[in-house]
Each structure stands twice: as structure tokens, then as C-alpha cells.
Amino acid sequence: MKLYAFDVDETLEISGGPIKLDQMTQLRNEGHIVGICGNWIIFVQAVTGWHDLVSFLSIGIGEKSEFLNQIKQYIRAEEYIMVGNILGVSGASDDKGAAETAGWRFIKESEFAAGAS
């Protein structure tokens, strides 16, 4: 079982990104853990039944890397993967940097949308 943390803004289709919610649902159906490490307010307002799709939400406390460290410390998984933006390349948040700081594998949003997992 892998654990996926998704950014929202410029990552998910509900906020200007290329990743469809169906792709997240597919991961969940395959038995992976899916959660949000980004603009959780937009996510819960835009996604009906959001609580059936994600296992965790970042709530804006601290840096993303700190949140990722907490998740990794307390939730067991085979692999930890952050899906999001590269600052100044594909979005306004440094999701790649947060993933690297926390020791997570990173997948750029457009690569995930195209099939990378």
C-alpha cells in the first residue's frame, strides 16, 4: 500500500490542474491511502463526499514538509508520494521541495495526470 498526498491548487481539476478526481478514486479503490496536502478548504467545498475519497487533510498548520513528516511518522505505508507542483514551473507552491525535505518521492501533477504513479 502506497500513500499519496495531493496538492490542490493547479494540481487537481477542481482548482485549475490536470488531475481528475477519478484518478484519486482509482488509487483509493486499489487500496492505497489518498490525502490532501494543500488547499483543503477548496477541496472540501468542491468535492461532494470528500470524506469518502481522502483519509487525511492538511489544515494549514506549519510548512508542507512538516505535515508530510508527521504523516510519514504515524501512518505506515510501503512508499510516500507527494503529487503537486514545481515552484515557478507548474505552479505557485513548492511541493517538490516539500517532498524532498520530508524524504518523499515527488510526481509532478502533469506527469501523474498522464499516468505516472
N, C-alpha and C. Protein backbone atom coordinates (compact mmCIF):
# COMPACT_ATOMS: atom_id res chain seq x y z
N MET A 1 0.84 -1.18 0.00
CA MET A 1 0.00 0.00 0.00
C MET A 1 0.89 1.25 0.00
N LYS A 2 0.61 2.14 -0.93
CA LYS A 2 1.33 3.41 -1.02
C LYS A 2 0.46 4.50 -0.42
N LEU A 3 1.10 5.58 -0.02
CA LEU A 3 0.38 6.73 0.49
C LEU A 3 0.64 7.91 -0.44
N TYR A 4 -0.44 8.51 -0.94
CA TYR A 4 -0.36 9.65 -1.85
C TYR A 4 -0.91 10.89 -1.18
N ALA A 5 -0.14 11.97 -1.20
CA ALA A 5 -0.59 13.27 -0.73
C ALA A 5 -0.67 14.19 -1.94
N PHE A 6 -1.85 14.75 -2.18
CA PHE A 6 -2.06 15.60 -3.34
C PHE A 6 -2.17 17.06 -2.93
N ASP A 7 -1.47 17.91 -3.66
CA ASP A 7 -1.70 19.34 -3.59
C ASP A 7 -3.05 19.59 -4.25
N VAL A 8 -3.63 20.76 -4.11
CA VAL A 8 -4.92 21.07 -4.72
C VAL A 8 -4.77 22.11 -5.83
N ASP A 9 -4.35 23.32 -5.48
CA ASP A 9 -4.27 24.41 -6.46
C ASP A 9 -3.30 24.06 -7.59
N GLU A 10 -3.79 24.20 -8.81
CA GLU A 10 -3.01 23.94 -10.02
C GLU A 10 -2.56 22.49 -10.12
N THR A 11 -3.19 21.61 -9.31
CA THR A 11 -2.89 20.18 -9.35
C THR A 11 -4.15 19.39 -9.69
N LEU A 12 -5.22 19.61 -8.94
CA LEU A 12 -6.47 18.89 -9.17
C LEU A 12 -7.38 19.67 -10.12
N GLU A 13 -8.21 18.94 -10.85
CA GLU A 13 -9.11 19.55 -11.83
C GLU A 13 -10.04 20.58 -11.20
N ILE A 14 -10.34 20.43 -9.92
CA ILE A 14 -11.25 21.36 -9.25
C ILE A 14 -10.61 22.72 -8.99
N SER A 15 -9.30 22.81 -9.23
CA SER A 15 -8.59 24.06 -8.96
C SER A 15 -7.53 24.35 -10.02
N GLY A 16 -7.90 24.17 -11.29
CA GLY A 16 -7.04 24.56 -12.40
C GLY A 16 -5.94 23.59 -12.76
N GLY A 17 -5.98 22.37 -12.24
CA GLY A 17 -4.94 21.39 -12.53
C GLY A 17 -5.42 20.28 -13.44
N PRO A 18 -4.51 19.41 -13.86
CA PRO A 18 -4.85 18.36 -14.81
C PRO A 18 -5.35 17.04 -14.20
N ILE A 19 -5.25 16.87 -12.89
CA ILE A 19 -5.59 15.57 -12.30
C ILE A 19 -7.08 15.50 -12.00
N LYS A 20 -7.70 14.46 -12.55
CA LYS A 20 -9.12 14.24 -12.35
C LYS A 20 -9.35 13.50 -11.03
N LEU A 21 -10.45 13.80 -10.39
CA LEU A 21 -10.78 13.14 -9.13
C LEU A 21 -10.92 11.64 -9.32
N ASP A 22 -11.32 11.22 -10.51
CA ASP A 22 -11.42 9.78 -10.79
C ASP A 22 -10.08 9.08 -10.63
N GLN A 23 -8.99 9.78 -10.91
CA GLN A 23 -7.66 9.18 -10.74
C GLN A 23 -7.36 8.94 -9.26
N MET A 24 -7.80 9.84 -8.42
CA MET A 24 -7.63 9.66 -6.98
C MET A 24 -8.52 8.51 -6.49
N THR A 25 -9.74 8.46 -7.01
CA THR A 25 -10.66 7.38 -6.64
C THR A 25 -10.09 6.03 -7.04
N GLN A 26 -9.47 5.96 -8.18
CA GLN A 26 -8.86 4.71 -8.64
C GLN A 26 -7.78 4.24 -7.66
N LEU A 27 -6.94 5.17 -7.22
CA LEU A 27 -5.91 4.81 -6.23
C LEU A 27 -6.55 4.26 -4.95
N ARG A 28 -7.56 4.94 -4.51
CA ARG A 28 -8.27 4.52 -3.28
C ARG A 28 -8.86 3.12 -3.47
N ASN A 29 -9.48 2.88 -4.64
CA ASN A 29 -10.07 1.58 -4.93
C ASN A 29 -9.03 0.47 -5.01
N GLU A 30 -7.80 0.83 -5.36
CA GLU A 30 -6.70 -0.14 -5.42
C GLU A 30 -6.12 -0.43 -4.04
N GLY A 31 -6.60 0.27 -3.02
CA GLY A 31 -6.16 0.01 -1.66
C GLY A 31 -5.10 0.95 -1.14
N HIS A 32 -4.79 2.00 -1.89
CA HIS A 32 -3.79 2.98 -1.43
C HIS A 32 -4.45 4.02 -0.54
N ILE A 33 -3.63 4.70 0.23
CA ILE A 33 -4.10 5.79 1.08
C ILE A 33 -3.98 7.08 0.28
N VAL A 34 -5.03 7.87 0.26
CA VAL A 34 -5.08 9.11 -0.51
C VAL A 34 -5.44 10.26 0.44
N GLY A 35 -4.70 11.36 0.32
CA GLY A 35 -5.00 12.51 1.16
C GLY A 35 -4.63 13.82 0.49
N ILE A 36 -4.90 14.89 1.20
CA ILE A 36 -4.68 16.25 0.69
C ILE A 36 -3.61 16.94 1.52
N CYS A 37 -2.63 17.50 0.81
CA CYS A 37 -1.59 18.33 1.43
C CYS A 37 -1.56 19.62 0.62
N GLY A 38 -2.55 20.45 0.84
CA GLY A 38 -2.71 21.68 0.07
C GLY A 38 -3.97 22.40 0.51
N ASN A 39 -4.60 23.07 -0.41
CA ASN A 39 -5.75 23.91 -0.14
C ASN A 39 -6.99 23.06 0.18
N TRP A 40 -7.04 22.56 1.39
CA TRP A 40 -8.11 21.66 1.80
C TRP A 40 -9.49 22.33 1.78
N ILE A 41 -9.53 23.63 1.98
CA ILE A 41 -10.82 24.34 2.00
C ILE A 41 -11.49 24.25 0.63
N ILE A 42 -10.74 24.51 -0.43
CA ILE A 42 -11.28 24.38 -1.78
C ILE A 42 -11.75 22.95 -2.01
N PHE A 43 -10.94 21.98 -1.56
CA PHE A 43 -11.26 20.57 -1.76
C PHE A 43 -12.59 20.19 -1.11
N VAL A 44 -12.77 20.50 0.15
CA VAL A 44 -13.99 20.09 0.84
C VAL A 44 -15.22 20.84 0.34
N GLN A 45 -15.03 22.06 -0.16
CA GLN A 45 -16.16 22.81 -0.70
C GLN A 45 -16.55 22.33 -2.09
N ALA A 46 -15.59 21.84 -2.86
CA ALA A 46 -15.85 21.46 -4.26
C ALA A 46 -16.19 19.99 -4.46
N VAL A 47 -15.80 19.14 -3.53
CA VAL A 47 -15.95 17.70 -3.74
C VAL A 47 -17.04 17.14 -2.82
N THR A 48 -18.16 16.79 -3.42
CA THR A 48 -19.23 16.15 -2.67
C THR A 48 -18.74 14.78 -2.22
N GLY A 49 -18.94 14.46 -0.98
CA GLY A 49 -18.49 13.17 -0.44
C GLY A 49 -16.98 13.08 -0.30
N TRP A 50 -16.34 14.22 -0.09
CA TRP A 50 -14.88 14.27 0.01
C TRP A 50 -14.35 13.30 1.06
N HIS A 51 -15.10 13.10 2.12
CA HIS A 51 -14.67 12.25 3.22
C HIS A 51 -14.63 10.77 2.85
N ASP A 52 -15.26 10.41 1.74
CA ASP A 52 -15.18 9.04 1.25
C ASP A 52 -13.98 8.84 0.33
N LEU A 53 -13.35 9.92 -0.08
CA LEU A 53 -12.23 9.86 -1.02
C LEU A 53 -10.88 9.97 -0.31
N VAL A 54 -10.76 10.84 0.67
CA VAL A 54 -9.47 11.07 1.29
C VAL A 54 -9.45 10.61 2.75
N SER A 55 -8.26 10.21 3.18
CA SER A 55 -8.05 9.75 4.55
C SER A 55 -7.50 10.83 5.45
N PHE A 56 -6.94 11.88 4.85
CA PHE A 56 -6.39 12.97 5.66
C PHE A 56 -6.41 14.27 4.86
N LEU A 57 -6.43 15.38 5.62
CA LEU A 57 -6.38 16.74 5.07
C LEU A 57 -5.34 17.53 5.84
N SER A 58 -4.52 18.28 5.13
CA SER A 58 -3.67 19.24 5.84
C SER A 58 -4.58 20.40 6.20
N ILE A 59 -4.36 20.99 7.33
CA ILE A 59 -5.25 22.07 7.74
C ILE A 59 -4.51 23.40 7.84
N GLY A 60 -3.41 23.50 7.11
CA GLY A 60 -2.71 24.77 7.01
C GLY A 60 -1.83 25.13 8.19
N ILE A 61 -1.53 24.15 9.04
CA ILE A 61 -0.67 24.42 10.18
C ILE A 61 0.76 24.05 9.81
N GLY A 62 1.65 25.04 9.80
CA GLY A 62 3.05 24.79 9.51
C GLY A 62 3.34 24.60 8.03
N GLU A 63 4.57 24.24 7.76
CA GLU A 63 5.03 24.02 6.39
C GLU A 63 4.55 22.67 5.88
N LYS A 64 4.44 22.53 4.57
CA LYS A 64 4.03 21.26 3.98
C LYS A 64 4.99 20.15 4.37
N SER A 65 6.26 20.44 4.37
CA SER A 65 7.24 19.41 4.72
C SER A 65 7.02 18.90 6.15
N GLU A 66 6.63 19.78 7.06
CA GLU A 66 6.35 19.37 8.44
C GLU A 66 5.14 18.44 8.48
N PHE A 67 4.11 18.77 7.72
CA PHE A 67 2.92 17.93 7.66
C PHE A 67 3.27 16.56 7.08
N LEU A 68 4.06 16.54 6.01
CA LEU A 68 4.48 15.28 5.40
C LEU A 68 5.29 14.44 6.37
N ASN A 69 6.16 15.08 7.15
CA ASN A 69 6.93 14.36 8.17
C ASN A 69 6.01 13.71 9.20
N GLN A 70 4.99 14.43 9.64
CA GLN A 70 4.03 13.90 10.61
C GLN A 70 3.29 12.69 10.04
N ILE A 71 2.83 12.81 8.80
CA ILE A 71 2.12 11.71 8.16
C ILE A 71 3.02 10.47 8.09
N LYS A 72 4.24 10.68 7.63
CA LYS A 72 5.18 9.56 7.49
C LYS A 72 5.51 8.92 8.84
N GLN A 73 5.56 9.72 9.88
CA GLN A 73 5.88 9.21 11.21
C GLN A 73 4.78 8.31 11.76
N TYR A 74 3.52 8.65 11.48
CA TYR A 74 2.42 7.96 12.15
C TYR A 74 1.58 7.03 11.27
N ILE A 75 1.71 7.12 9.96
CA ILE A 75 0.93 6.24 9.08
C ILE A 75 1.89 5.35 8.31
N ARG A 76 1.73 4.06 8.45
CA ARG A 76 2.61 3.11 7.77
C ARG A 76 2.19 2.93 6.32
N ALA A 77 3.18 2.89 5.44
CA ALA A 77 2.95 2.64 4.02
C ALA A 77 4.24 2.12 3.41
N GLU A 78 4.13 1.49 2.26
CA GLU A 78 5.32 1.00 1.54
C GLU A 78 6.12 2.15 0.95
N GLU A 79 5.40 3.19 0.54
CA GLU A 79 6.03 4.32 -0.12
C GLU A 79 5.18 5.57 0.11
N TYR A 80 5.84 6.72 0.18
CA TYR A 80 5.18 8.00 0.41
C TYR A 80 5.42 8.87 -0.81
N ILE A 81 4.32 9.36 -1.41
CA ILE A 81 4.41 10.08 -2.67
C ILE A 81 3.62 11.38 -2.59
N MET A 82 4.29 12.49 -2.89
CA MET A 82 3.64 13.80 -2.98
C MET A 82 3.42 14.11 -4.44
N VAL A 83 2.18 14.49 -4.78
CA VAL A 83 1.83 14.86 -6.15
C VAL A 83 1.46 16.33 -6.15
N GLY A 84 2.17 17.11 -6.97
CA GLY A 84 1.88 18.54 -6.98
C GLY A 84 2.74 19.31 -7.95
N ASN A 85 3.06 20.52 -7.56
CA ASN A 85 3.71 21.49 -8.44
C ASN A 85 5.21 21.63 -8.17
N ILE A 86 5.87 22.12 -9.21
CA ILE A 86 7.26 22.57 -9.08
C ILE A 86 7.19 24.09 -9.10
N LEU A 87 7.65 24.71 -8.05
CA LEU A 87 7.56 26.16 -7.90
C LEU A 87 8.15 26.88 -9.11
N GLY A 88 7.35 27.78 -9.70
CA GLY A 88 7.79 28.58 -10.83
C GLY A 88 7.77 27.86 -12.16
N VAL A 89 7.51 26.56 -12.15
CA VAL A 89 7.46 25.78 -13.38
C VAL A 89 6.02 25.40 -13.70
N SER A 90 5.34 24.83 -12.70
CA SER A 90 3.98 24.37 -12.95
C SER A 90 2.99 24.88 -11.91
N GLY A 91 3.44 25.74 -11.03
CA GLY A 91 2.53 26.25 -10.02
C GLY A 91 3.20 27.19 -9.05
N ALA A 92 2.41 27.66 -8.09
CA ALA A 92 2.90 28.65 -7.14
C ALA A 92 3.34 28.05 -5.81
N SER A 93 3.23 26.73 -5.68
CA SER A 93 3.69 26.12 -4.43
C SER A 93 4.89 25.21 -4.68
N ASP A 94 5.74 25.11 -3.68
CA ASP A 94 6.96 24.31 -3.80
C ASP A 94 6.73 22.90 -3.26
N ASP A 95 5.85 22.16 -3.93
CA ASP A 95 5.54 20.81 -3.50
C ASP A 95 6.72 19.87 -3.68
N LYS A 96 7.48 20.08 -4.73
CA LYS A 96 8.67 19.25 -4.95
C LYS A 96 9.66 19.45 -3.81
N GLY A 97 9.90 20.69 -3.43
CA GLY A 97 10.81 20.99 -2.33
C GLY A 97 10.33 20.41 -1.01
N ALA A 98 9.02 20.50 -0.75
CA ALA A 98 8.46 19.93 0.49
C ALA A 98 8.65 18.42 0.51
N ALA A 99 8.40 17.77 -0.63
CA ALA A 99 8.57 16.32 -0.71
C ALA A 99 10.02 15.93 -0.46
N GLU A 100 10.93 16.63 -1.10
CA GLU A 100 12.36 16.33 -0.94
C GLU A 100 12.81 16.53 0.51
N THR A 101 12.36 17.60 1.13
CA THR A 101 12.72 17.89 2.52
C THR A 101 12.22 16.79 3.45
N ALA A 102 11.03 16.26 3.16
CA ALA A 102 10.43 15.23 4.02
C ALA A 102 10.85 13.80 3.64
N GLY A 103 11.62 13.67 2.57
CA GLY A 103 12.05 12.34 2.15
C GLY A 103 10.99 11.54 1.40
N TRP A 104 10.09 12.24 0.74
CA TRP A 104 9.03 11.61 -0.04
C TRP A 104 9.41 11.61 -1.51
N ARG A 105 8.88 10.65 -2.27
CA ARG A 105 9.01 10.69 -3.73
C ARG A 105 8.03 11.75 -4.24
N PHE A 106 8.43 12.45 -5.30
CA PHE A 106 7.60 13.52 -5.87
C PHE A 106 7.19 13.16 -7.30
N ILE A 107 5.93 13.44 -7.62
CA ILE A 107 5.45 13.31 -9.00
C ILE A 107 4.80 14.64 -9.39
N LYS A 108 5.27 15.23 -10.48
CA LYS A 108 4.69 16.48 -10.99
C LYS A 108 3.26 16.20 -11.46
N GLU A 109 2.39 17.15 -11.21
CA GLU A 109 0.96 16.97 -11.49
C GLU A 109 0.68 16.54 -12.93
N SER A 110 1.35 17.12 -13.90
CA SER A 110 1.07 16.76 -15.29
C SER A 110 1.55 15.34 -15.62
N GLU A 111 2.62 14.90 -14.96
CA GLU A 111 3.11 13.54 -15.15
C GLU A 111 2.17 12.52 -14.53
N PHE A 112 1.62 12.86 -13.36
CA PHE A 112 0.65 11.96 -12.74
C PHE A 112 -0.61 11.86 -13.61
N ALA A 113 -1.08 13.01 -14.10
CA ALA A 113 -2.28 13.03 -14.95
C ALA A 113 -2.08 12.19 -16.20
N ALA A 114 -0.83 12.10 -16.65
CA ALA A 114 -0.51 11.33 -17.86
C ALA A 114 -0.26 9.84 -17.58
N GLY A 115 -0.35 9.46 -16.28
CA GLY A 115 -0.22 8.04 -15.97
C GLY A 115 0.88 7.63 -15.03
N ALA A 116 1.76 8.54 -14.65
CA ALA A 116 2.83 8.19 -13.70
C ALA A 116 2.21 7.91 -12.33
N SER A 117 2.73 6.92 -11.65
CA SER A 117 2.23 6.63 -10.30
C SER A 117 3.38 6.13 -9.44
